[in-house]
Amino acid sequence: MNRARLSLFALVAVVGLALFWPHLFRPVGGDPSVYAYIGRAILRGDVPYRDAWDIKSPAIYFQYAAALGLFGDGDRAVNLAEFALVLATALIVARAAQRLAGAVAGLLAAIASLAAFHWFQAEGAYGQPETAAALLGGGALLLAMRPGPLGPYESLGAGGLAAALFWYKLPFALLALPMVARLPACVRAGTSGRSLVRAFAVFASFGLGVAGYFALERALPDFWQGAFVAPSRVATANPFSWRWHVGHLVEGTWMLGRGLPAVVLFAAVGAATLTRATRRDAWAVASHAGLAVALVALQANYFAYHWIPLLPSLCVLAGTGGATVARGLAPIMRSRSAPAVVIALLFVRINAAAIVALGEHLQRTTAPDETILPFDLAPAVDFYARRRRPSRFVYLWPLQHPRARRVRLAGGVQPGRAAESASVRHRVPQEHPRELRA
């Protein structure tokens, strides 16, 4: 590792720790507690969807299982894994911005990325598959910007990136499309066929491995329903007009501008300078940004964390724009770091101590084999109580969705409140559970 790369890594690590140190001790809540619960279930030998049913793609559950297995069972493991993804994304963003506008752009892009992730986490948007999508999509963006045809290892890497994106969330595969920018060079070199075969072989091997795992565990029907059928029903249930979607896209853009004013401002400056980049680089950055926005609309729920995959291209542009402005202000301010300082000032701490306290109270006051009937949206309680849910359904809201009534689970079970109640009655012992009071 040369001195420049070592300096970049040191800067990202220092700024990252300065911003995220309090978040490393933050309690897990909301969706991440679902993934943590299922990750813990995997470590004890259970199978996603069959023994712990949810509607996300499988990669996020295995990510959490790996984190809990490597770093210990608790909040710290989840937060350390998230922090590692954020740091890796910042380094990739820095490399991409360096290709566009030099070292200063790379440093500013890395700081912009860290500050943007910090703002999202402070707003409660963390621990989602979108964090991994930002890293993998950023990797696809960087690979798309490299010159020349795809080499053998690059072709394999392209297939691996596309497969990983797909298995984190099916629509994420769109973020692999910027790598198509390398195909014209492959055609000119006469290697397009071999490159495509290598990439597809890796992509297919991922799919065969995932399907083989669930087949061996006799969980293919549960996997199909949880990872494919139910998410598609939920995603296509929105009947609103295109005006409604445009309004929510504008609202999301305003959210980014309000929460990340420096990043958005300098990204706009960077976008104006794309005309000076090579056609391949400009197309890669612009297509990544466009596809990330299209993903937000495709999922139709417009949650804040759906915008996280946009961060690589947004921060590459912010770093490029910041470097451009810094060069213009250098004679006056004698500093090119002012934009990065402004971006890095976003810092908020989240406190979810009440959920932790309730879970720990349940752990102290109940036996491991005792039945606990949690409230509808309280998977974090199960995680902190270290207790199994009385049914395999971790989050109940997907089952209560109007379109979910069209989904029939394995064994002929139909989702909905009545089905969930029946499932609970089937699994709960005859004696009444202890009445719990926090």
Protein backbone atom coordinates (compact mmCIF):
# COMPACT_ATOMS: atom_id res chain seq x y z
CA MET A 1 0.00 0.00 0.00
CA ASN A 2 1.57 3.31 -1.09
CA ARG A 3 1.69 6.43 1.05
CA ALA A 4 -1.28 8.14 -0.66
CA ARG A 5 -3.59 5.16 -0.12
CA LEU A 6 -2.40 4.74 3.44
CA SER A 7 -3.10 8.42 4.13
CA LEU A 8 -6.58 8.08 2.63
CA PHE A 9 -7.32 5.01 4.74
CA ALA A 10 -6.08 6.78 7.88
CA LEU A 11 -8.23 9.84 7.15
CA VAL A 12 -11.34 7.75 6.56
CA ALA A 13 -10.73 5.76 9.74
CA VAL A 14 -10.16 8.85 11.90
CA VAL A 15 -13.11 10.83 10.54
CA GLY A 16 -15.28 7.73 10.64
CA LEU A 17 -14.48 7.05 14.30
CA ALA A 18 -15.02 10.69 15.18
CA LEU A 19 -18.49 10.64 13.63
CA PHE A 20 -19.64 7.11 14.41
CA TRP A 21 -18.05 6.37 17.80
CA PRO A 22 -21.29 7.00 19.74
CA HIS A 23 -23.24 4.94 17.19
CA LEU A 24 -21.08 1.88 17.90
CA PHE A 25 -22.74 1.68 21.33
CA ARG A 26 -26.25 2.40 20.11
CA PRO A 27 -29.00 -0.17 20.73
CA VAL A 28 -30.48 -2.03 17.80
CA GLY A 29 -34.11 -1.31 17.00
CA GLY A 30 -36.71 -1.51 14.26
CA ASP A 31 -35.82 -3.45 11.12
CA PRO A 32 -32.21 -4.21 12.18
CA SER A 33 -33.56 -6.11 15.17
CA VAL A 34 -35.51 -8.33 12.74
CA TYR A 35 -32.32 -9.12 10.84
CA ALA A 36 -30.43 -9.65 14.11
CA TYR A 37 -33.11 -12.02 15.39
CA ILE A 38 -32.99 -14.07 12.19
CA GLY A 39 -29.18 -13.91 12.13
CA ARG A 40 -29.09 -15.37 15.64
CA ALA A 41 -31.59 -18.04 14.53
CA ILE A 42 -29.23 -19.02 11.67
CA LEU A 43 -26.36 -19.43 14.12
CA ARG A 44 -28.38 -21.86 16.21
CA GLY A 45 -29.28 -23.92 13.17
CA ASP A 46 -32.62 -22.45 12.09
CA VAL A 47 -33.40 -21.62 8.47
CA PRO A 48 -34.67 -18.21 7.29
CA TYR A 49 -38.27 -18.12 6.08
CA ARG A 50 -38.94 -21.67 7.33
CA ASP A 51 -38.25 -20.96 11.01
CA ALA A 52 -38.17 -17.14 10.98
CA TRP A 53 -40.29 -15.60 8.24
CA ASP A 54 -39.71 -12.13 6.82
CA ILE A 55 -39.92 -10.55 3.37
CA LYS A 56 -36.34 -9.43 2.75
CA SER A 57 -33.87 -11.25 0.49
CA PRO A 58 -31.57 -13.71 2.29
CA ALA A 59 -28.21 -11.91 2.11
CA ILE A 60 -29.06 -9.45 4.88
CA TYR A 61 -29.85 -12.28 7.32
CA PHE A 62 -26.55 -14.02 6.64
CA GLN A 63 -24.73 -10.70 6.96
CA TYR A 64 -26.16 -10.33 10.45
CA ALA A 65 -25.41 -13.96 11.28
CA ALA A 66 -21.78 -13.39 10.26
CA ALA A 67 -21.59 -10.21 12.33
CA LEU A 68 -23.03 -11.90 15.44
CA GLY A 69 -20.72 -14.88 14.93
CA LEU A 70 -17.58 -12.76 14.45
CA PHE A 71 -18.10 -9.94 16.94
CA GLY A 72 -20.29 -11.55 19.59
CA ASP A 73 -24.02 -11.65 20.22
CA GLY A 74 -25.20 -8.10 20.87
CA ASP A 75 -25.54 -4.54 19.66
CA ARG A 76 -21.83 -4.07 19.13
CA ALA A 77 -21.67 -6.78 16.48
CA VAL A 78 -24.46 -5.21 14.42
CA ASN A 79 -22.99 -1.71 14.71
CA LEU A 80 -19.43 -2.83 13.92
CA ALA A 81 -20.60 -4.58 10.76
CA GLU A 82 -22.51 -1.47 9.70
CA PHE A 83 -19.46 0.69 10.45
CA ALA A 84 -17.23 -1.57 8.34
CA LEU A 85 -19.61 -1.25 5.38
CA VAL A 86 -19.68 2.54 5.76
CA LEU A 87 -15.86 2.79 5.85
CA ALA A 88 -15.47 0.51 2.83
CA THR A 89 -18.02 2.57 0.88
CA ALA A 90 -16.17 5.79 1.72
CA LEU A 91 -12.91 4.32 0.40
CA ILE A 92 -14.56 3.20 -2.85
CA VAL A 93 -16.23 6.59 -3.28
CA ALA A 94 -12.86 8.26 -2.75
CA ARG A 95 -11.23 6.14 -5.44
CA ALA A 96 -14.01 6.92 -7.90
CA ALA A 97 -13.81 10.66 -7.24
CA GLN A 98 -10.03 10.56 -7.63
CA ARG A 99 -10.50 9.17 -11.13
CA LEU A 100 -12.74 12.12 -11.97
CA ALA A 101 -10.97 15.07 -10.40
CA GLY A 102 -7.86 14.13 -8.46
CA ALA A 103 -6.77 13.52 -4.88
CA VAL A 104 -8.57 16.48 -3.27
CA ALA A 105 -11.85 15.34 -4.83
CA GLY A 106 -11.28 11.85 -3.43
CA LEU A 107 -10.67 13.12 0.11
CA LEU A 108 -13.73 15.37 0.02
CA ALA A 109 -15.88 12.58 -1.45
CA ALA A 110 -14.84 10.23 1.37
CA ILE A 111 -15.72 12.83 4.01
CA ALA A 112 -19.01 13.56 2.24
CA SER A 113 -19.83 9.84 2.24
CA LEU A 114 -19.10 9.46 5.95
CA ALA A 115 -21.12 12.57 6.82
CA ALA A 116 -24.05 11.43 4.65
CA PHE A 117 -24.13 7.97 6.23
CA HIS A 118 -23.89 9.59 9.64
CA TRP A 119 -26.92 11.77 8.91
CA PHE A 120 -28.94 8.78 7.72
CA GLN A 121 -28.00 6.82 10.83
CA ALA A 122 -28.85 9.76 13.07
CA GLU A 123 -32.27 9.82 11.38
CA GLY A 124 -32.73 6.12 12.21
CA ALA A 125 -32.04 4.84 8.66
CA TYR A 126 -29.33 2.25 9.32
CA GLY A 127 -28.70 -1.47 9.37
CA GLN A 128 -30.69 -1.99 6.16
CA PRO A 129 -29.77 -3.92 2.99
CA GLU A 130 -29.38 -0.49 1.39
CA THR A 131 -26.07 0.01 3.25
CA ALA A 132 -24.60 -3.05 1.56
CA ALA A 133 -26.18 -1.92 -1.73
CA ALA A 134 -24.29 1.38 -1.43
CA LEU A 135 -21.01 -0.51 -1.03
CA LEU A 136 -21.70 -2.99 -3.83
CA GLY A 137 -23.18 -0.34 -6.13
CA GLY A 138 -20.16 1.85 -5.44
CA GLY A 139 -17.94 -1.07 -6.39
CA ALA A 140 -19.87 -1.47 -9.65
CA LEU A 141 -19.49 2.27 -10.29
CA LEU A 142 -15.73 2.15 -9.72
CA LEU A 143 -15.39 -0.92 -11.96
CA ALA A 144 -17.39 0.86 -14.66
CA MET A 145 -15.00 3.82 -14.57
CA ARG A 146 -11.84 1.77 -15.11
CA PRO A 147 -10.38 2.09 -18.62
CA GLY A 148 -10.12 -0.65 -21.21
CA PRO A 149 -11.92 -3.99 -21.58
CA LEU A 150 -12.84 -6.18 -18.63
CA GLY A 151 -10.05 -8.51 -17.63
CA PRO A 152 -10.72 -12.08 -16.47
CA TYR A 153 -10.79 -11.18 -12.78
CA GLU A 154 -12.84 -8.05 -13.45
CA SER A 155 -15.42 -10.15 -15.30
CA LEU A 156 -15.66 -12.50 -12.34
CA GLY A 157 -15.92 -9.53 -10.01
CA ALA A 158 -18.68 -7.99 -12.12
CA GLY A 159 -20.72 -11.18 -11.87
CA GLY A 160 -20.12 -11.36 -8.13
CA LEU A 161 -21.20 -7.76 -7.60
CA ALA A 162 -24.38 -8.28 -9.62
CA ALA A 163 -25.21 -11.47 -7.73
CA ALA A 164 -24.58 -9.95 -4.31
CA LEU A 165 -26.76 -6.96 -5.17
CA PHE A 166 -29.55 -9.28 -6.36
CA TRP A 167 -29.52 -11.39 -3.19
CA TYR A 168 -29.52 -8.38 -0.89
CA LYS A 169 -32.71 -7.17 -2.55
CA LEU A 170 -33.89 -8.27 -5.96
CA PRO A 171 -34.22 -4.80 -7.58
CA PHE A 172 -30.70 -3.88 -6.42
CA ALA A 173 -29.39 -5.76 -9.47
CA LEU A 174 -30.16 -2.58 -11.42
CA LEU A 175 -27.14 -0.97 -9.74
CA ALA A 176 -24.88 -3.36 -11.65
CA LEU A 177 -25.91 -1.85 -15.00
CA PRO A 178 -23.26 0.94 -15.02
CA MET A 179 -20.68 -1.79 -15.62
CA VAL A 180 -22.14 -2.09 -19.13
CA ALA A 181 -19.96 0.96 -19.90
CA ARG A 182 -17.02 -1.44 -20.21
CA LEU A 183 -18.66 -3.59 -22.90
CA PRO A 184 -17.73 -1.39 -25.91
CA ALA A 185 -14.06 -1.77 -25.02
CA CYS A 186 -14.58 -5.54 -24.71
CA VAL A 187 -16.21 -5.62 -28.15
CA ARG A 188 -13.29 -3.72 -29.67
CA ALA A 189 -10.85 -6.12 -28.01
CA GLY A 190 -12.83 -9.18 -29.11
CA THR A 191 -13.33 -10.38 -25.49
CA SER A 192 -17.01 -9.52 -24.96
CA GLY A 193 -18.20 -13.14 -25.22
CA ARG A 194 -15.68 -14.48 -22.71
CA SER A 195 -16.32 -11.59 -20.32
CA LEU A 196 -20.08 -12.12 -20.38
CA VAL A 197 -19.72 -15.89 -19.91
CA ARG A 198 -17.46 -15.42 -16.87
CA ALA A 199 -19.76 -12.83 -15.31
CA PHE A 200 -22.88 -14.93 -15.90
CA ALA A 201 -21.18 -18.06 -14.53
CA VAL A 202 -20.44 -16.33 -11.24
CA PHE A 203 -23.95 -14.83 -11.08
CA ALA A 204 -25.54 -18.23 -11.75
CA SER A 205 -23.31 -20.01 -9.22
CA PHE A 206 -24.52 -17.63 -6.50
CA GLY A 207 -28.11 -18.44 -7.41
CA LEU A 208 -27.50 -22.17 -7.46
CA GLY A 209 -25.80 -21.96 -4.08
CA VAL A 210 -28.69 -20.06 -2.50
CA ALA A 211 -31.35 -22.33 -4.01
CA GLY A 212 -29.33 -25.42 -3.08
CA TYR A 213 -29.09 -24.36 0.55
CA PHE A 214 -32.84 -23.91 0.91
CA ALA A 215 -33.51 -27.11 -1.03
CA LEU A 216 -31.27 -29.10 1.29
CA GLU A 217 -33.08 -27.59 4.27
CA ARG A 218 -36.45 -28.41 2.65
CA ALA A 219 -37.39 -24.75 2.78
CA LEU A 220 -37.74 -23.86 -0.91
CA PRO A 221 -41.48 -23.04 -0.70
CA ASP A 222 -40.93 -20.79 2.32
CA PHE A 223 -37.95 -19.16 0.61
CA TRP A 224 -39.93 -18.55 -2.58
CA GLN A 225 -42.86 -17.03 -0.72
CA GLY A 226 -40.79 -14.88 1.64
CA ALA A 227 -38.08 -13.67 -0.75
CA PHE A 228 -40.03 -13.38 -4.01
CA VAL A 229 -43.81 -13.56 -3.79
CA ALA A 230 -44.53 -11.44 -0.71
CA PRO A 231 -42.11 -8.59 -1.59
CA SER A 232 -43.51 -8.36 -5.11
CA ARG A 233 -47.07 -8.19 -3.77
CA VAL A 234 -46.17 -5.41 -1.37
CA ALA A 235 -44.14 -3.47 -3.95
CA THR A 236 -46.91 -3.60 -6.55
CA ALA A 237 -49.74 -2.77 -4.17
CA ASN A 238 -49.42 1.00 -4.51
CA PRO A 239 -52.29 2.20 -6.74
CA PHE A 240 -51.32 5.87 -6.78
CA SER A 241 -50.84 7.90 -9.94
CA TRP A 242 -47.58 9.00 -11.47
CA ARG A 243 -48.17 12.47 -10.03
CA TRP A 244 -48.20 10.95 -6.56
CA HIS A 245 -44.88 9.22 -7.26
CA VAL A 246 -43.34 12.40 -8.66
CA GLY A 247 -44.49 14.28 -5.58
CA HIS A 248 -42.82 11.76 -3.29
CA LEU A 249 -39.62 11.82 -5.33
CA VAL A 250 -39.57 15.61 -4.99
CA GLU A 251 -40.24 15.25 -1.28
CA GLY A 252 -37.33 12.81 -0.96
CA THR A 253 -35.04 15.15 -2.87
CA TRP A 254 -36.06 17.95 -0.53
CA MET A 255 -35.32 15.67 2.42
CA LEU A 256 -31.78 15.13 1.13
CA GLY A 257 -31.31 18.84 0.50
CA ARG A 258 -32.55 19.72 3.96
CA GLY A 259 -30.52 17.04 5.73
CA LEU A 260 -27.37 17.14 3.58
CA PRO A 261 -27.20 20.70 2.24
CA ALA A 262 -23.44 20.74 1.70
CA VAL A 263 -23.40 17.35 -0.04
CA VAL A 264 -26.29 18.24 -2.36
CA LEU A 265 -24.92 21.73 -3.10
CA PHE A 266 -21.45 20.54 -4.06
CA ALA A 267 -22.91 17.55 -5.93
CA ALA A 268 -24.80 20.02 -8.11
CA VAL A 269 -21.51 21.80 -8.81
CA GLY A 270 -19.88 18.45 -9.56
CA ALA A 271 -22.66 17.49 -11.95
CA ALA A 272 -22.02 20.69 -13.90
CA THR A 273 -18.38 19.66 -14.34
CA LEU A 274 -19.16 16.18 -15.71
CA THR A 275 -18.87 17.57 -19.23
CA ARG A 276 -15.10 17.66 -18.69
CA ALA A 277 -14.97 13.96 -17.75
CA THR A 278 -14.59 11.13 -20.25
CA ARG A 279 -17.81 9.87 -21.78
CA ARG A 280 -17.40 6.54 -19.97
CA ASP A 281 -16.91 8.15 -16.54
CA ALA A 282 -19.73 10.63 -17.02
CA TRP A 283 -22.11 7.88 -18.16
CA ALA A 284 -21.14 5.63 -15.22
CA VAL A 285 -21.79 8.31 -12.59
CA ALA A 286 -24.97 9.62 -14.20
CA SER A 287 -26.41 6.14 -14.79
CA HIS A 288 -25.67 5.08 -11.21
CA ALA A 289 -27.48 8.15 -9.87
CA GLY A 290 -30.43 7.65 -12.21
CA LEU A 291 -30.77 3.96 -11.39
CA ALA A 292 -30.61 4.66 -7.64
CA VAL A 293 -33.47 7.16 -7.95
CA ALA A 294 -35.40 4.68 -10.11
CA LEU A 295 -35.00 2.11 -7.31
CA VAL A 296 -36.65 4.49 -4.88
CA ALA A 297 -39.66 4.83 -7.16
CA LEU A 298 -39.72 1.11 -7.96
CA GLN A 299 -40.06 0.16 -4.30
CA ALA A 300 -42.92 2.68 -3.99
CA ASN A 301 -42.74 3.08 -0.20
CA TYR A 302 -40.38 6.08 -0.19
CA PHE A 303 -38.76 5.26 3.13
CA ALA A 304 -35.76 7.46 3.94
CA TYR A 305 -33.28 4.55 3.81
CA HIS A 306 -34.33 3.79 0.21
CA TRP A 307 -32.18 6.78 -0.78
CA ILE A 308 -28.98 5.30 0.69
CA PRO A 309 -27.90 3.52 -2.55
CA LEU A 310 -27.71 6.96 -4.18
CA LEU A 311 -24.86 8.02 -1.88
CA PRO A 312 -21.87 6.72 -3.94
CA SER A 313 -22.63 8.78 -7.06
CA LEU A 314 -23.96 11.70 -5.00
CA CYS A 315 -20.78 11.86 -2.92
CA VAL A 316 -18.50 11.36 -5.93
CA LEU A 317 -20.15 14.42 -7.45
CA ALA A 318 -19.91 16.27 -4.11
CA GLY A 319 -16.20 15.56 -3.90
CA THR A 320 -15.70 16.68 -7.49
CA GLY A 321 -17.70 19.85 -6.92
CA GLY A 322 -15.94 20.52 -3.63
CA ALA A 323 -12.54 20.21 -5.28
CA THR A 324 -13.64 22.61 -8.02
CA VAL A 325 -14.83 25.20 -5.51
CA ALA A 326 -11.76 24.68 -3.32
CA ARG A 327 -9.48 25.47 -6.23
CA GLY A 328 -11.38 28.68 -6.85
CA LEU A 329 -11.31 29.70 -3.16
CA ALA A 330 -7.72 28.62 -2.48
CA PRO A 331 -6.20 32.10 -3.07
CA ILE A 332 -8.72 33.60 -0.61
CA MET A 333 -9.21 30.92 2.07
CA ARG A 334 -5.93 29.08 1.59
CA SER A 335 -7.83 25.90 2.33
CA ARG A 336 -9.51 23.23 0.25
CA SER A 337 -10.99 21.43 3.26
CA ALA A 338 -13.77 23.89 4.17
CA PRO A 339 -16.52 22.02 2.29
CA ALA A 340 -15.51 18.78 4.01
CA VAL A 341 -15.58 20.48 7.42
CA VAL A 342 -19.11 21.77 6.79
CA ILE A 343 -20.31 18.31 5.73
CA ALA A 344 -18.70 16.58 8.72
CA LEU A 345 -20.56 18.77 11.25
CA LEU A 346 -23.73 16.66 11.02
CA PHE A 347 -23.91 14.74 14.24
CA VAL A 348 -26.94 13.49 16.18
CA ARG A 349 -27.31 10.71 18.66
CA ILE A 350 -30.32 8.38 18.81
CA ASN A 351 -31.60 6.95 22.08
CA ALA A 352 -33.74 3.82 22.07
CA ALA A 353 -33.10 2.92 25.70
CA ALA A 354 -36.78 2.18 26.39
CA ILE A 355 -36.83 -0.81 24.00
CA VAL A 356 -33.59 -2.14 25.47
CA ALA A 357 -34.91 -1.80 29.01
CA LEU A 358 -38.13 -3.66 28.16
CA GLY A 359 -36.25 -6.50 26.48
CA GLU A 360 -33.84 -6.84 29.38
CA HIS A 361 -36.77 -6.78 31.81
CA LEU A 362 -38.39 -9.68 29.93
CA GLN A 363 -35.11 -11.58 29.97
CA ARG A 364 -34.83 -11.19 33.74
CA THR A 365 -38.44 -11.98 34.59
CA THR A 366 -39.30 -14.84 32.21
CA ALA A 367 -37.99 -18.36 31.65
CA PRO A 368 -36.38 -19.22 28.29
CA ASP A 369 -39.20 -21.66 27.45
CA GLU A 370 -41.99 -19.29 28.49
CA THR A 371 -44.36 -17.92 25.87
CA ILE A 372 -44.25 -14.16 25.27
CA LEU A 373 -46.85 -12.50 23.08
CA PRO A 374 -45.21 -9.27 21.84
CA PHE A 375 -46.98 -6.29 20.41
CA ASP A 376 -47.37 -6.05 16.66
CA LEU A 377 -44.25 -4.04 15.78
CA ALA A 378 -41.82 -5.01 18.55
CA PRO A 379 -39.17 -7.35 17.07
CA ALA A 380 -36.49 -5.42 18.98
CA VAL A 381 -38.04 -6.68 22.20
CA ASP A 382 -37.51 -10.28 21.08
CA PHE A 383 -33.87 -9.56 20.28
CA TYR A 384 -33.08 -8.00 23.66
CA ALA A 385 -35.20 -10.48 25.61
CA ARG A 386 -33.34 -13.38 23.92
CA ARG A 387 -36.63 -15.21 23.55
CA ARG A 388 -38.20 -17.03 20.59
CA ARG A 389 -41.38 -15.63 19.13
CA PRO A 390 -44.49 -17.81 19.46
CA SER A 391 -44.74 -17.95 15.65
CA ARG A 392 -42.22 -17.85 12.82
CA PHE A 393 -43.42 -14.43 11.58
CA VAL A 394 -40.94 -11.82 12.82
CA TYR A 395 -42.63 -8.66 11.53
CA LEU A 396 -46.41 -8.83 11.25
CA TRP A 397 -47.07 -5.75 9.11
CA PRO A 398 -46.35 -7.50 5.76
CA LEU A 399 -48.99 -10.11 6.63
CA GLN A 400 -51.56 -7.41 7.33
CA HIS A 401 -51.00 -5.66 4.01
CA PRO A 402 -54.18 -5.78 1.86
CA ARG A 403 -52.35 -7.51 -0.99
CA ALA A 404 -50.87 -10.09 1.39
CA ARG A 405 -54.20 -11.89 1.48
CA ARG A 406 -53.41 -13.12 -2.04
CA VAL A 407 -50.24 -14.84 -0.81
CA ARG A 408 -50.64 -18.40 0.45
CA LEU A 409 -47.83 -19.64 2.67
CA ALA A 410 -46.48 -23.16 2.83
CA GLY A 411 -48.99 -25.56 4.30
CA GLY A 412 -51.93 -23.54 2.95
CA VAL A 413 -51.72 -20.83 5.63
CA GLN A 414 -53.15 -17.49 4.47
CA PRO A 415 -51.64 -14.33 5.98
CA GLY A 416 -53.66 -11.78 7.90
CA ARG A 417 -54.55 -11.16 11.50
CA ALA A 418 -56.71 -14.29 11.74
CA ALA A 419 -53.96 -16.45 10.23
CA GLU A 420 -51.36 -15.02 12.56
CA SER A 421 -53.63 -15.57 15.55
CA ALA A 422 -54.24 -19.16 14.44
CA SER A 423 -50.52 -19.70 14.02
CA VAL A 424 -49.88 -18.35 17.50
CA ARG A 425 -52.64 -20.50 18.99
CA HIS A 426 -51.17 -23.55 17.28
CA ARG A 427 -47.72 -22.96 18.75
CA VAL A 428 -48.56 -21.53 22.19
CA PRO A 429 -48.93 -23.97 25.11
CA GLN A 430 -52.40 -24.41 26.55
CA GLU A 431 -51.61 -22.60 29.79
CA HIS A 432 -51.89 -18.82 29.74
CA PRO A 433 -48.57 -16.93 29.46
CA ARG A 434 -47.41 -14.94 32.42
CA GLU A 435 -48.83 -11.46 32.51
CA LEU A 436 -45.90 -9.12 32.07
CA ARG A 437 -45.73 -5.56 33.27
CA ALA A 438 -42.72 -3.36 32.43
